[in-house]
PDB file of all heavy atoms in Angstrom:
ATOM      1  N   TYR A   1      -3.830  19.720  10.792  1.00  0.00           N
ATOM      2  CA  TYR A   1      -2.683  19.542   9.871  1.00  0.00           C
ATOM      3  C   TYR A   1      -2.732  18.202   9.150  1.00  0.00           C
ATOM      4  O   TYR A   1      -1.845  17.955   8.355  1.00  0.00           O
ATOM      5  CB  TYR A   1      -1.350  19.737  10.602  1.00  0.00           C
ATOM      6  CG  TYR A   1      -1.137  18.777  11.753  1.00  0.00           C
ATOM      7  CD1 TYR A   1      -0.745  17.470  11.527  1.00  0.00           C
ATOM      8  CD2 TYR A   1      -1.308  19.194  13.050  1.00  0.00           C
ATOM      9  CE1 TYR A   1      -0.558  16.573  12.603  1.00  0.00           C
ATOM     10  CE2 TYR A   1      -1.121  18.338  14.140  1.00  0.00           C
ATOM     11  CZ  TYR A   1      -0.733  17.046  13.866  1.00  0.00           C
ATOM     12  OH  TYR A   1      -0.546  16.140  14.930  1.00  0.00           O
ATOM     13  N   ASN A   2      -3.677  17.380   9.449  1.00  0.00           N
ATOM     14  CA  ASN A   2      -3.715  16.086   8.746  1.00  0.00           C
ATOM     15  C   ASN A   2      -3.963  16.243   7.278  1.00  0.00           C
ATOM     16  O   ASN A   2      -4.792  17.088   6.870  1.00  0.00           O
ATOM     17  CB  ASN A   2      -4.816  15.188   9.323  1.00  0.00           C
ATOM     18  CG  ASN A   2      -4.499  14.727  10.752  1.00  0.00           C
ATOM     19  OD1 ASN A   2      -5.395  14.682  11.600  1.00  0.00           O
ATOM     20  ND2 ASN A   2      -3.239  14.386  11.027  1.00  0.00           N
ATOM     21  N   ILE A   3      -3.267  15.479   6.449  1.00  0.00           N
ATOM     22  CA  ILE A   3      -3.469  15.533   5.015  1.00  0.00           C
ATOM     23  C   ILE A   3      -3.723  14.121   4.524  1.00  0.00           C
ATOM     24  O   ILE A   3      -3.287  13.123   5.154  1.00  0.00           O
ATOM     25  CB  ILE A   3      -2.308  16.188   4.259  1.00  0.00           C
ATOM     26  CG1 ILE A   3      -1.023  15.350   4.378  1.00  0.00           C
ATOM     27  CG2 ILE A   3      -2.072  17.579   4.767  1.00  0.00           C
ATOM     28  CD1 ILE A   3       0.148  15.887   3.579  1.00  0.00           C
ATOM     29  N   ALA A   4      -4.425  13.976   3.406  1.00  0.00           N
ATOM     30  CA  ALA A   4      -4.732  12.644   2.827  1.00  0.00           C
ATOM     31  C   ALA A   4      -3.496  12.051   2.236  1.00  0.00           C
ATOM     32  O   ALA A   4      -2.760  12.703   1.462  1.00  0.00           O
ATOM     33  CB  ALA A   4      -5.834  12.766   1.816  1.00  0.00           C
ATOM     34  N   ALA A   5      -3.238  10.791   2.581  1.00  0.00           N
ATOM     35  CA  ALA A   5      -2.172  10.046   1.925  1.00  0.00           C
ATOM     36  C   ALA A   5      -2.697   9.366   0.698  1.00  0.00           C
ATOM     37  O   ALA A   5      -3.908   9.254   0.485  1.00  0.00           O
ATOM     38  CB  ALA A   5      -1.635   8.971   2.906  1.00  0.00           C
ATOM     39  N   CYS A   6      -1.793   8.961  -0.164  1.00  0.00           N
ATOM     40  CA  CYS A   6      -2.141   8.298  -1.435  1.00  0.00           C
ATOM     41  C   CYS A   6      -1.206   7.138  -1.647  1.00  0.00           C
ATOM     42  O   CYS A   6       0.015   7.328  -1.860  1.00  0.00           O
ATOM     43  CB  CYS A   6      -2.040   9.269  -2.582  1.00  0.00           C
ATOM     44  SG  CYS A   6      -2.610   8.568  -4.152  1.00  0.00           S
ATOM     45  N   ALA A   7      -1.699   5.937  -1.586  1.00  0.00           N
ATOM     46  CA  ALA A   7      -0.903   4.734  -1.813  1.00  0.00           C
ATOM     47  C   ALA A   7      -0.653   4.610  -3.293  1.00  0.00           C
ATOM     48  O   ALA A   7      -1.616   4.486  -4.061  1.00  0.00           O
ATOM     49  CB  ALA A   7      -1.578   3.492  -1.233  1.00  0.00           C
ATOM     50  N   LYS A   8       0.622   4.584  -3.686  1.00  0.00           N
ATOM     51  CA  LYS A   8       0.885   4.513  -5.110  1.00  0.00           C
ATOM     52  C   LYS A   8       2.091   3.639  -5.373  1.00  0.00           C
ATOM     53  O   LYS A   8       2.834   3.349  -4.399  1.00  0.00           O
ATOM     54  CB  LYS A   8       1.122   5.955  -5.690  1.00  0.00           C
ATOM     55  CG  LYS A   8       2.451   6.605  -5.185  1.00  0.00           C
ATOM     56  CD  LYS A   8       2.598   7.931  -5.839  1.00  0.00           C
ATOM     57  CE  LYS A   8       3.969   8.544  -5.518  1.00  0.00           C
ATOM     58  NZ  LYS A   8       4.172   9.855  -6.065  1.00  0.00           N
ATOM     59  N   HIS A   9       2.333   3.198  -6.579  1.00  0.00           N
ATOM     60  CA  HIS A   9       1.462   3.279  -7.736  1.00  0.00           C
ATOM     61  C   HIS A   9       0.800   1.889  -7.859  1.00  0.00           C
ATOM     62  O   HIS A   9       1.506   0.890  -7.982  1.00  0.00           O
ATOM     63  CB  HIS A   9       2.228   3.579  -8.989  1.00  0.00           C
ATOM     64  CG  HIS A   9       3.044   4.817  -8.897  1.00  0.00           C
ATOM     65  ND1 HIS A   9       4.302   4.866  -8.332  1.00  0.00           N
ATOM     66  CD2 HIS A   9       2.777   6.135  -9.290  1.00  0.00           C
ATOM     67  CE1 HIS A   9       4.778   6.110  -8.374  1.00  0.00           C
ATOM     68  NE2 HIS A   9       3.889   6.872  -8.962  1.00  0.00           N
ATOM     69  N   PHE A  10      -0.521   1.850  -7.838  1.00  0.00           N
ATOM     70  CA  PHE A  10      -1.240   0.580  -7.854  1.00  0.00           C
ATOM     71  C   PHE A  10      -1.430   0.108  -9.290  1.00  0.00           C
ATOM     72  O   PHE A  10      -2.139   0.777 -10.013  1.00  0.00           O
ATOM     73  CB  PHE A  10      -2.584   0.849  -7.132  1.00  0.00           C
ATOM     74  CG  PHE A  10      -3.328  -0.388  -6.813  1.00  0.00           C
ATOM     75  CD1 PHE A  10      -2.853  -1.299  -5.902  1.00  0.00           C
ATOM     76  CD2 PHE A  10      -4.584  -0.645  -7.429  1.00  0.00           C
ATOM     77  CE1 PHE A  10      -3.566  -2.467  -5.590  1.00  0.00           C
ATOM     78  CE2 PHE A  10      -5.299  -1.779  -7.103  1.00  0.00           C
ATOM     79  CZ  PHE A  10      -4.788  -2.683  -6.162  1.00  0.00           C
ATOM     80  N   ALA A  11      -0.802  -0.964  -9.645  1.00  0.00           N
ATOM     81  CA  ALA A  11       0.157  -1.780  -8.911  1.00  0.00           C
ATOM     82  C   ALA A  11       1.144  -2.424  -9.899  1.00  0.00           C
ATOM     83  O   ALA A  11       0.890  -2.519 -11.092  1.00  0.00           O
ATOM     84  CB  ALA A  11      -0.564  -2.878  -8.099  1.00  0.00           C
ATOM     85  N   GLY A  12       2.297  -2.864  -9.331  1.00  0.00           N
ATOM     86  CA  GLY A  12       3.283  -3.556 -10.110  1.00  0.00           C
ATOM     87  C   GLY A  12       4.286  -2.643 -10.828  1.00  0.00           C
ATOM     88  O   GLY A  12       5.145  -3.102 -11.567  1.00  0.00           O
ATOM     89  N   TYR A  13       4.167  -1.334 -10.651  1.00  0.00           N
ATOM     90  CA  TYR A  13       4.950  -0.355 -11.412  1.00  0.00           C
ATOM     91  C   TYR A  13       6.455  -0.552 -11.127  1.00  0.00           C
ATOM     92  O   TYR A  13       7.290  -0.319 -12.032  1.00  0.00           O
ATOM     93  CB  TYR A  13       4.532   1.038 -10.959  1.00  0.00           C
ATOM     94  CG  TYR A  13       5.118   2.221 -11.653  1.00  0.00           C
ATOM     95  CD1 TYR A  13       5.439   2.171 -13.017  1.00  0.00           C
ATOM     96  CD2 TYR A  13       5.277   3.406 -10.985  1.00  0.00           C
ATOM     97  CE1 TYR A  13       5.955   3.295 -13.660  1.00  0.00           C
ATOM     98  CE2 TYR A  13       5.829   4.540 -11.606  1.00  0.00           C
ATOM     99  CZ  TYR A  13       6.149   4.474 -12.967  1.00  0.00           C
ATOM    100  OH  TYR A  13       6.689   5.583 -13.557  1.00  0.00           O
ATOM    101  N   GLY A  14       6.844  -1.037  -9.955  1.00  0.00           N
ATOM    102  CA  GLY A  14       8.221  -1.212  -9.606  1.00  0.00           C
ATOM    103  C   GLY A  14       8.938  -2.315 -10.343  1.00  0.00           C
ATOM    104  O   GLY A  14      10.160  -2.491 -10.255  1.00  0.00           O
ATOM    105  N   ALA A  15       8.168  -3.122 -11.128  1.00  0.00           N
ATOM    106  CA  ALA A  15       8.723  -4.248 -11.859  1.00  0.00           C
ATOM    107  C   ALA A  15       8.862  -3.924 -13.319  1.00  0.00           C
ATOM    108  O   ALA A  15       8.921  -4.833 -14.175  1.00  0.00           O
ATOM    109  CB  ALA A  15       7.857  -5.486 -11.682  1.00  0.00           C
ATOM    110  N   ALA A  16       9.000  -2.612 -13.652  1.00  0.00           N
ATOM    111  CA  ALA A  16       9.114  -2.221 -15.070  1.00  0.00           C
ATOM    112  C   ALA A  16      10.274  -2.933 -15.763  1.00  0.00           C
ATOM    113  O   ALA A  16      11.393  -3.060 -15.205  1.00  0.00           O
ATOM    114  CB  ALA A  16       9.345  -0.667 -15.145  1.00  0.00           C
ATOM    115  N   GLU A  17      10.002  -3.448 -16.967  1.00  0.00           N
ATOM    116  CA  GLU A  17      10.995  -4.171 -17.698  1.00  0.00           C
ATOM    117  C   GLU A  17      12.303  -3.424 -17.861  1.00  0.00           C
ATOM    118  O   GLU A  17      12.330  -2.256 -18.279  1.00  0.00           O
ATOM    119  CB  GLU A  17      10.473  -4.527 -19.107  1.00  0.00           C
ATOM    120  CG  GLU A  17       9.544  -5.715 -19.135  1.00  0.00           C
ATOM    121  CD  GLU A  17       9.221  -6.073 -20.593  1.00  0.00           C
ATOM    122  OE1 GLU A  17       9.240  -5.220 -21.486  1.00  0.00           O
ATOM    123  OE2 GLU A  17       8.962  -7.263 -20.807  1.00  0.00           O
ATOM    124  N   GLY A  18      13.440  -4.059 -17.541  1.00  0.00           N
ATOM    125  CA  GLY A  18      14.740  -3.471 -17.729  1.00  0.00           C
ATOM    126  C   GLY A  18      15.007  -2.282 -16.820  1.00  0.00           C
ATOM    127  O   GLY A  18      16.012  -1.589 -16.994  1.00  0.00           O
ATOM    128  N   GLY A  19      14.148  -2.037 -15.819  1.00  0.00           N
ATOM    129  CA  GLY A  19      14.307  -0.887 -14.981  1.00  0.00           C
ATOM    130  C   GLY A  19      14.015   0.408 -15.712  1.00  0.00           C
ATOM    131  O   GLY A  19      14.313   1.471 -15.192  1.00  0.00           O
ATOM    132  N   ARG A  20      13.383   0.314 -16.857  1.00  0.00           N
ATOM    133  CA  ARG A  20      13.053   1.547 -17.672  1.00  0.00           C
ATOM    134  C   ARG A  20      11.679   2.046 -17.229  1.00  0.00           C
ATOM    135  O   ARG A  20      10.703   1.349 -17.335  1.00  0.00           O
ATOM    136  CB  ARG A  20      13.069   1.194 -19.156  1.00  0.00           C
ATOM    137  CG  ARG A  20      14.420   0.804 -19.683  1.00  0.00           C
ATOM    138  CD  ARG A  20      14.427   0.608 -21.226  1.00  0.00           C
ATOM    139  NE  ARG A  20      13.408  -0.331 -21.649  1.00  0.00           N
ATOM    140  CZ  ARG A  20      13.576  -1.631 -21.677  1.00  0.00           C
ATOM    141  NH1 ARG A  20      14.700  -2.207 -21.260  1.00  0.00           N
ATOM    142  NH2 ARG A  20      12.632  -2.465 -22.131  1.00  0.00           N
ATOM    143  N   ASP A  21      11.668   3.318 -16.811  1.00  0.00           N
ATOM    144  CA  ASP A  21      10.432   3.860 -16.294  1.00  0.00           C
ATOM    145  C   ASP A  21       9.293   3.825 -17.322  1.00  0.00           C
ATOM    146  O   ASP A  21       9.564   3.930 -18.520  1.00  0.00           O
ATOM    147  CB  ASP A  21      10.663   5.324 -15.873  1.00  0.00           C
ATOM    148  CG  ASP A  21       9.841   5.697 -14.627  1.00  0.00           C
ATOM    149  OD1 ASP A  21       8.907   4.955 -14.259  1.00  0.00           O
ATOM    150  OD2 ASP A  21      10.094   6.765 -14.080  1.00  0.00           O
ATOM    151  N   TYR A  22       8.117   3.705 -16.813  1.00  0.00           N
ATOM    152  CA  TYR A  22       6.845   3.596 -17.556  1.00  0.00           C
ATOM    153  C   TYR A  22       6.714   2.328 -18.366  1.00  0.00           C
ATOM    154  O   TYR A  22       5.668   2.164 -19.022  1.00  0.00           O
ATOM    155  CB  TYR A  22       6.716   4.824 -18.525  1.00  0.00           C
ATOM    156  CG  TYR A  22       7.098   6.164 -17.925  1.00  0.00           C
ATOM    157  CD1 TYR A  22       8.126   6.932 -18.458  1.00  0.00           C
ATOM    158  CD2 TYR A  22       6.359   6.632 -16.873  1.00  0.00           C
ATOM    159  CE1 TYR A  22       8.455   8.139 -17.897  1.00  0.00           C
ATOM    160  CE2 TYR A  22       6.709   7.917 -16.303  1.00  0.00           C
ATOM    161  CZ  TYR A  22       7.747   8.652 -16.831  1.00  0.00           C
ATOM    162  OH  TYR A  22       8.051   9.845 -16.288  1.00  0.00           O
ATOM    163  N   ASN A  23       7.651   1.445 -18.307  1.00  0.00           N
ATOM    164  CA  ASN A  23       7.600   0.244 -19.120  1.00  0.00           C
ATOM    165  C   ASN A  23       6.566  -0.808 -18.618  1.00  0.00           C
ATOM    166  O   ASN A  23       6.148  -0.749 -17.488  1.00  0.00           O
ATOM    167  CB  ASN A  23       8.957  -0.388 -19.264  1.00  0.00           C
ATOM    168  CG  ASN A  23       9.650  -0.011 -20.561  1.00  0.00           C
ATOM    169  OD1 ASN A  23       9.661   1.177 -20.906  1.00  0.00           O
ATOM    170  ND2 ASN A  23      10.215  -0.930 -21.246  1.00  0.00           N
ATOM    171  N   ALA A  24       6.295  -1.749 -19.475  1.00  0.00           N
ATOM    172  CA  ALA A  24       5.348  -2.765 -19.127  1.00  0.00           C
ATOM    173  C   ALA A  24       5.818  -3.615 -17.993  1.00  0.00           C
ATOM    174  O   ALA A  24       7.003  -3.761 -17.775  1.00  0.00           O
ATOM    175  CB  ALA A  24       5.069  -3.680 -20.343  1.00  0.00           C
ATOM    176  N   THR A  25       4.857  -4.197 -17.263  1.00  0.00           N
ATOM    177  CA  THR A  25       5.171  -5.126 -16.182  1.00  0.00           C
ATOM    178  C   THR A  25       4.396  -6.418 -16.444  1.00  0.00           C
ATOM    179  O   THR A  25       3.214  -6.357 -16.748  1.00  0.00           O
ATOM    180  CB  THR A  25       4.878  -4.593 -14.803  1.00  0.00           C
ATOM    181  OG1 THR A  25       3.487  -4.318 -14.707  1.00  0.00           O
ATOM    182  CG2 THR A  25       5.630  -3.281 -14.544  1.00  0.00           C
ATOM    183  N   TYR A  26       5.088  -7.541 -16.317  1.00  0.00           N
ATOM    184  CA  TYR A  26       4.462  -8.847 -16.489  1.00  0.00           C
ATOM    185  C   TYR A  26       4.747  -9.632 -15.217  1.00  0.00           C
ATOM    186  O   TYR A  26       5.877 -10.035 -14.914  1.00  0.00           O
ATOM    187  CB  TYR A  26       4.990  -9.573 -17.696  1.00  0.00           C
ATOM    188  CG  TYR A  26       4.622  -8.881 -18.994  1.00  0.00           C
ATOM    189  CD1 TYR A  26       5.434  -7.944 -19.559  1.00  0.00           C
ATOM    190  CD2 TYR A  26       3.370  -9.165 -19.605  1.00  0.00           C
ATOM    191  CE1 TYR A  26       5.057  -7.285 -20.715  1.00  0.00           C
ATOM    192  CE2 TYR A  26       3.002  -8.491 -20.764  1.00  0.00           C
ATOM    193  CZ  TYR A  26       3.840  -7.572 -21.333  1.00  0.00           C
ATOM    194  OH  TYR A  26       3.464  -6.947 -22.462  1.00  0.00           O
ATOM    195  N   ILE A  27       3.697  -9.815 -14.390  1.00  0.00           N
ATOM    196  CA  ILE A  27       3.856 -10.413 -13.067  1.00  0.00           C
ATOM    197  C   ILE A  27       2.821 -11.564 -12.915  1.00  0.00           C
ATOM    198  O   ILE A  27       1.584 -11.273 -12.976  1.00  0.00           O
ATOM    199  CB  ILE A  27       3.642  -9.413 -11.947  1.00  0.00           C
ATOM    200  CG1 ILE A  27       4.566  -8.188 -12.169  1.00  0.00           C
ATOM    201  CG2 ILE A  27       3.997 -10.053 -10.614  1.00  0.00           C
ATOM    202  CD1 ILE A  27       4.292  -7.037 -11.204  1.00  0.00           C
ATOM    203  N   PRO A  28       3.243 -12.813 -12.747  1.00  0.00           N
ATOM    204  CA  PRO A  28       2.224 -13.884 -12.504  1.00  0.00           C
ATOM    205  C   PRO A  28       1.352 -13.562 -11.316  1.00  0.00           C
ATOM    206  O   PRO A  28       1.855 -12.948 -10.327  1.00  0.00           O
ATOM    207  CB  PRO A  28       3.143 -15.093 -12.234  1.00  0.00           C
ATOM    208  CG  PRO A  28       4.442 -14.771 -12.819  1.00  0.00           C
ATOM    209  CD  PRO A  28       4.592 -13.280 -12.721  1.00  0.00           C
ATOM    210  N   GLU A  29       0.089 -13.933 -11.392  1.00  0.00           N
ATOM    211  CA  GLU A  29      -0.852 -13.508 -10.357  1.00  0.00           C
ATOM    212  C   GLU A  29      -0.417 -13.981  -8.961  1.00  0.00           C
ATOM    213  O   GLU A  29      -0.576 -13.161  -7.984  1.00  0.00           O
ATOM    214  CB  GLU A  29      -2.267 -13.985 -10.652  1.00  0.00           C
ATOM    215  CG  GLU A  29      -3.306 -13.413  -9.723  1.00  0.00           C
ATOM    216  CD  GLU A  29      -4.705 -13.751 -10.064  1.00  0.00           C
ATOM    217  OE1 GLU A  29      -4.964 -14.217 -11.193  1.00  0.00           O
ATOM    218  OE2 GLU A  29      -5.602 -13.610  -9.192  1.00  0.00           O
ATOM    219  N   PRO A  30       0.078 -15.143  -8.730  1.00  0.00           N
ATOM    220  CA  PRO A  30       0.494 -15.493  -7.363  1.00  0.00           C
ATOM    221  C   PRO A  30       1.555 -14.552  -6.859  1.00  0.00           C
ATOM    222  O   PRO A  30       1.520 -14.120  -5.669  1.00  0.00           O
ATOM    223  CB  PRO A  30       1.016 -16.940  -7.498  1.00  0.00           C
ATOM    224  CG  PRO A  30       0.379 -17.468  -8.737  1.00  0.00           C
ATOM    225  CD  PRO A  30       0.224 -16.317  -9.645  1.00  0.00           C
ATOM    226  N   THR A  31       2.565 -14.222  -7.659  1.00  0.00           N
ATOM    227  CA  THR A  31       3.601 -13.292  -7.266  1.00  0.00           C
ATOM    228  C   THR A  31       3.010 -11.890  -7.080  1.00  0.00           C
ATOM    229  O   THR A  31       3.391 -11.186  -6.134  1.00  0.00           O
ATOM    230  CB  THR A  31       4.751 -13.275  -8.273  1.00  0.00           C
ATOM    231  OG1 THR A  31       5.254 -14.597  -8.446  1.00  0.00           O
ATOM    232  CG2 THR A  31       5.866 -12.339  -7.839  1.00  0.00           C
ATOM    233  N   LEU A  32       2.161 -11.524  -7.978  1.00  0.00           N
ATOM    234  CA  LEU A  32       1.538 -10.204  -7.836  1.00  0.00           C
ATOM    235  C   LEU A  32       0.817 -10.009  -6.535  1.00  0.00           C
ATOM    236  O   LEU A  32       0.989  -9.030  -5.781  1.00  0.00           O
ATOM    237  CB  LEU A  32       0.523 -10.001  -8.997  1.00  0.00           C
ATOM    238  CG  LEU A  32      -0.271  -8.676  -9.017  1.00  0.00           C
ATOM    239  CD1 LEU A  32       0.673  -7.550  -9.320  1.00  0.00           C
ATOM    240  CD2 LEU A  32      -1.390  -8.741 -10.107  1.00  0.00           C
ATOM    241  N   ARG A  33       0.048 -11.026  -6.147  1.00  0.00           N
ATOM    242  CA  ARG A  33      -0.716 -10.994  -4.920  1.00  0.00           C
ATOM    243  C   ARG A  33       0.172 -11.090  -3.693  1.00  0.00           C
ATOM    244  O   ARG A  33       0.012 -10.371  -2.710  1.00  0.00           O
ATOM    245  CB  ARG A  33      -1.796 -12.065  -4.870  1.00  0.00           C
ATOM    246  CG  ARG A  33      -2.961 -11.807  -5.829  1.00  0.00           C
ATOM    247  CD  ARG A  33      -4.004 -12.919  -5.714  1.00  0.00           C
ATOM    248  NE  ARG A  33      -5.162 -12.649  -6.488  1.00  0.00           N
ATOM    249  CZ  ARG A  33      -6.262 -11.981  -6.046  1.00  0.00           C
ATOM    250  NH1 ARG A  33      -6.234 -11.480  -4.842  1.00  0.00           N
ATOM    251  NH2 ARG A  33      -7.303 -11.767  -6.835  1.00  0.00           N
ATOM    252  N   GLN A  34       1.105 -11.986  -3.738  1.00  0.00           N
ATOM    253  CA  GLN A  34       1.931 -12.273  -2.553  1.00  0.00           C
ATOM    254  C   GLN A  34       3.003 -11.203  -2.284  1.00  0.00           C
ATOM    255  O   GLN A  34       3.313 -10.899  -1.139  1.00  0.00           O
ATOM    256  CB  GLN A  34       2.606 -13.602  -2.691  1.00  0.00           C
ATOM    257  CG  GLN A  34       3.310 -14.133  -1.435  1.00  0.00           C
ATOM    258  CD  GLN A  34       3.521 -15.601  -1.427  1.00  0.00           C
ATOM    259  OE1 GLN A  34       2.588 -16.349  -1.798  1.00  0.00           O
ATOM    260  NE2 GLN A  34       4.710 -16.037  -1.130  1.00  0.00           N
ATOM    261  N   VAL A  35       3.528 -10.594  -3.354  1.00  0.00           N
ATOM    262  CA  VAL A  35       4.635  -9.633  -3.217  1.00  0.00           C
ATOM    263  C   VAL A  35       4.160  -8.207  -3.481  1.00  0.00           C
ATOM    264  O   VAL A  35       4.252  -7.344  -2.608  1.00  0.00           O
ATOM    265  CB  VAL A  35       5.797 -10.017  -4.154  1.00  0.00           C
ATOM    266  CG1 VAL A  35       6.916  -8.988  -4.064  1.00  0.00           C
ATOM    267  CG2 VAL A  35       6.270 -11.422  -3.817  1.00  0.00           C
ATOM    268  N   TYR A  36       3.685  -7.972  -4.659  1.00  0.00           N
ATOM    269  CA  TYR A  36       3.480  -6.582  -5.158  1.00  0.00           C
ATOM    270  C   TYR A  36       2.162  -5.936  -4.585  1.00  0.00           C
ATOM    271  O   TYR A  36       2.107  -4.741  -4.384  1.00  0.00           O
ATOM    272  CB  TYR A  36       3.465  -6.521  -6.682  1.00  0.00           C
ATOM    273  CG  TYR A  36       4.825  -6.822  -7.223  1.00  0.00           C
ATOM    274  CD1 TYR A  36       5.208  -8.105  -7.548  1.00  0.00           C
ATOM    275  CD2 TYR A  36       5.733  -5.782  -7.407  1.00  0.00           C
ATOM    276  CE1 TYR A  36       6.455  -8.363  -8.076  1.00  0.00           C
ATOM    277  CE2 TYR A  36       7.015  -6.049  -7.883  1.00  0.00           C
ATOM    278  CZ  TYR A  36       7.395  -7.356  -8.233  1.00  0.00           C
ATOM    279  OH  TYR A  36       8.652  -7.601  -8.700  1.00  0.00           O
ATOM    280  N   LEU A  37       1.158  -6.785  -4.356  1.00  0.00           N
ATOM    281  CA  LEU A  37      -0.095  -6.211  -3.797  1.00  0.00           C
ATOM    282  C   LEU A  37      -0.110  -6.135  -2.293  1.00  0.00           C
ATOM    283  O   LEU A  37      -0.944  -5.386  -1.719  1.00  0.00           O
ATOM    284  CB  LEU A  37      -1.302  -7.034  -4.276  1.00  0.00           C
ATOM    285  CG  LEU A  37      -1.590  -7.032  -5.810  1.00  0.00           C
ATOM    286  CD1 LEU A  37      -2.951  -7.743  -6.054  1.00  0.00           C
ATOM    287  CD2 LEU A  37      -1.615  -5.622  -6.368  1.00  0.00           C
ATOM    288  N   ALA A  38       0.707  -6.934  -1.620  1.00  0.00           N
ATOM    289  CA  ALA A  38       0.674  -7.025  -0.133  1.00  0.00           C
ATOM    290  C   ALA A  38       0.749  -5.632   0.531  1.00  0.00           C
ATOM    291  O   ALA A  38      -0.041  -5.336   1.444  1.00  0.00           O
ATOM    292  CB  ALA A  38       1.767  -7.941   0.335  1.00  0.00           C
ATOM    293  N   PRO A  39       1.685  -4.742   0.149  1.00  0.00           N
ATOM    294  CA  PRO A  39       1.731  -3.459   0.836  1.00  0.00           C
ATOM    295  C   PRO A  39       0.463  -2.635   0.580  1.00  0.00           C
ATOM    296  O   PRO A  39       0.059  -1.832   1.443  1.00  0.00           O
ATOM    297  CB  PRO A  39       2.977  -2.758   0.227  1.00  0.00           C
ATOM    298  CG  PRO A  39       3.838  -3.894  -0.242  1.00  0.00           C
ATOM    299  CD  PRO A  39       2.818  -4.924  -0.754  1.00  0.00           C
ATOM    300  N   PHE A  40      -0.138  -2.748  -0.575  1.00  0.00           N
ATOM    301  CA  PHE A  40      -1.364  -1.996  -0.839  1.00  0.00           C
ATOM    302  C   PHE A  40      -2.563  -2.487  -0.072  1.00  0.00           C
ATOM    303  O   PHE A  40      -3.370  -1.730   0.405  1.00  0.00           O
ATOM    304  CB  PHE A  40      -1.631  -2.021  -2.352  1.00  0.00           C
ATOM    305  CG  PHE A  40      -0.680  -1.255  -3.186  1.00  0.00           C
ATOM    306  CD1 PHE A  40       0.413  -1.881  -3.804  1.00  0.00           C
ATOM    307  CD2 PHE A  40      -0.806   0.078  -3.276  1.00  0.00           C
ATOM    308  CE1 PHE A  40       1.291  -1.195  -4.553  1.00  0.00           C
ATOM    309  CE2 PHE A  40       0.105   0.843  -4.079  1.00  0.00           C
ATOM    310  CZ  PHE A  40       1.159   0.214  -4.685  1.00  0.00           C
ATOM    311  N   LYS A  41      -2.628  -3.782   0.126  1.00  0.00           N
ATOM    312  CA  LYS A  41      -3.689  -4.362   0.946  1.00  0.00           C
ATOM    313  C   LYS A  41      -3.484  -3.842   2.380  1.00  0.00           C
ATOM    314  O   LYS A  41      -4.458  -3.472   3.034  1.00  0.00           O
ATOM    315  CB  LYS A  41      -3.620  -5.884   0.973  1.00  0.00           C
ATOM    316  CG  LYS A  41      -4.696  -6.536   1.793  1.00  0.00           C
ATOM    317  CD  LYS A  41      -4.519  -8.030   1.846  1.00  0.00           C
ATOM    318  CE  LYS A  41      -4.619  -8.651   0.488  1.00  0.00           C
ATOM    319  NZ  LYS A  41      -4.407 -10.112   0.510  1.00  0.00           N
ATOM    320  N   SER A  42      -2.273  -3.841   2.799  1.00  0.00           N
ATOM    321  CA  SER A  42      -1.984  -3.294   4.160  1.00  0.00           C
ATOM    322  C   SER A  42      -2.347  -1.805   4.219  1.00  0.00           C
ATOM    323  O   SER A  42      -2.832  -1.367   5.290  1.00  0.00           O
ATOM    324  CB  SER A  42      -0.500  -3.515   4.460  1.00  0.00           C
ATOM    325  OG  SER A  42      -0.222  -3.180   5.804  1.00  0.00           O
ATOM    326  N   ALA A  43      -2.117  -1.062   3.175  1.00  0.00           N
ATOM    327  CA  ALA A  43      -2.465   0.387   3.213  1.00  0.00           C
ATOM    328  C   ALA A  43      -3.959   0.622   3.292  1.00  0.00           C
ATOM    329  O   ALA A  43      -4.401   1.555   3.939  1.00  0.00           O
ATOM    330  CB  ALA A  43      -1.922   1.017   1.921  1.00  0.00           C
ATOM    331  N   VAL A  44      -4.769  -0.253   2.662  1.00  0.00           N
ATOM    332  CA  VAL A  44      -6.234  -0.186   2.823  1.00  0.00           C
ATOM    333  C   VAL A  44      -6.591  -0.324   4.255  1.00  0.00           C
ATOM    334  O   VAL A  44      -7.372   0.475   4.844  1.00  0.00           O
ATOM    335  CB  VAL A  44      -6.914  -1.240   1.948  1.00  0.00           C
ATOM    336  CG1 VAL A  44      -8.414  -1.224   2.291  1.00  0.00           C
ATOM    337  CG2 VAL A  44      -6.720  -0.930   0.504  1.00  0.00           C
TER     338      VAL A  44
END
């Protein structure tokens, strides 16, 4: 019954401008790595 998981959405999607879906995200690299990429690194 095991199924493949998929870590999504790589990456920064949750920071969409104005909370509007599909919008651009602008995240400085230190913040990107320390905050937004951390769960994905853990998922690997």
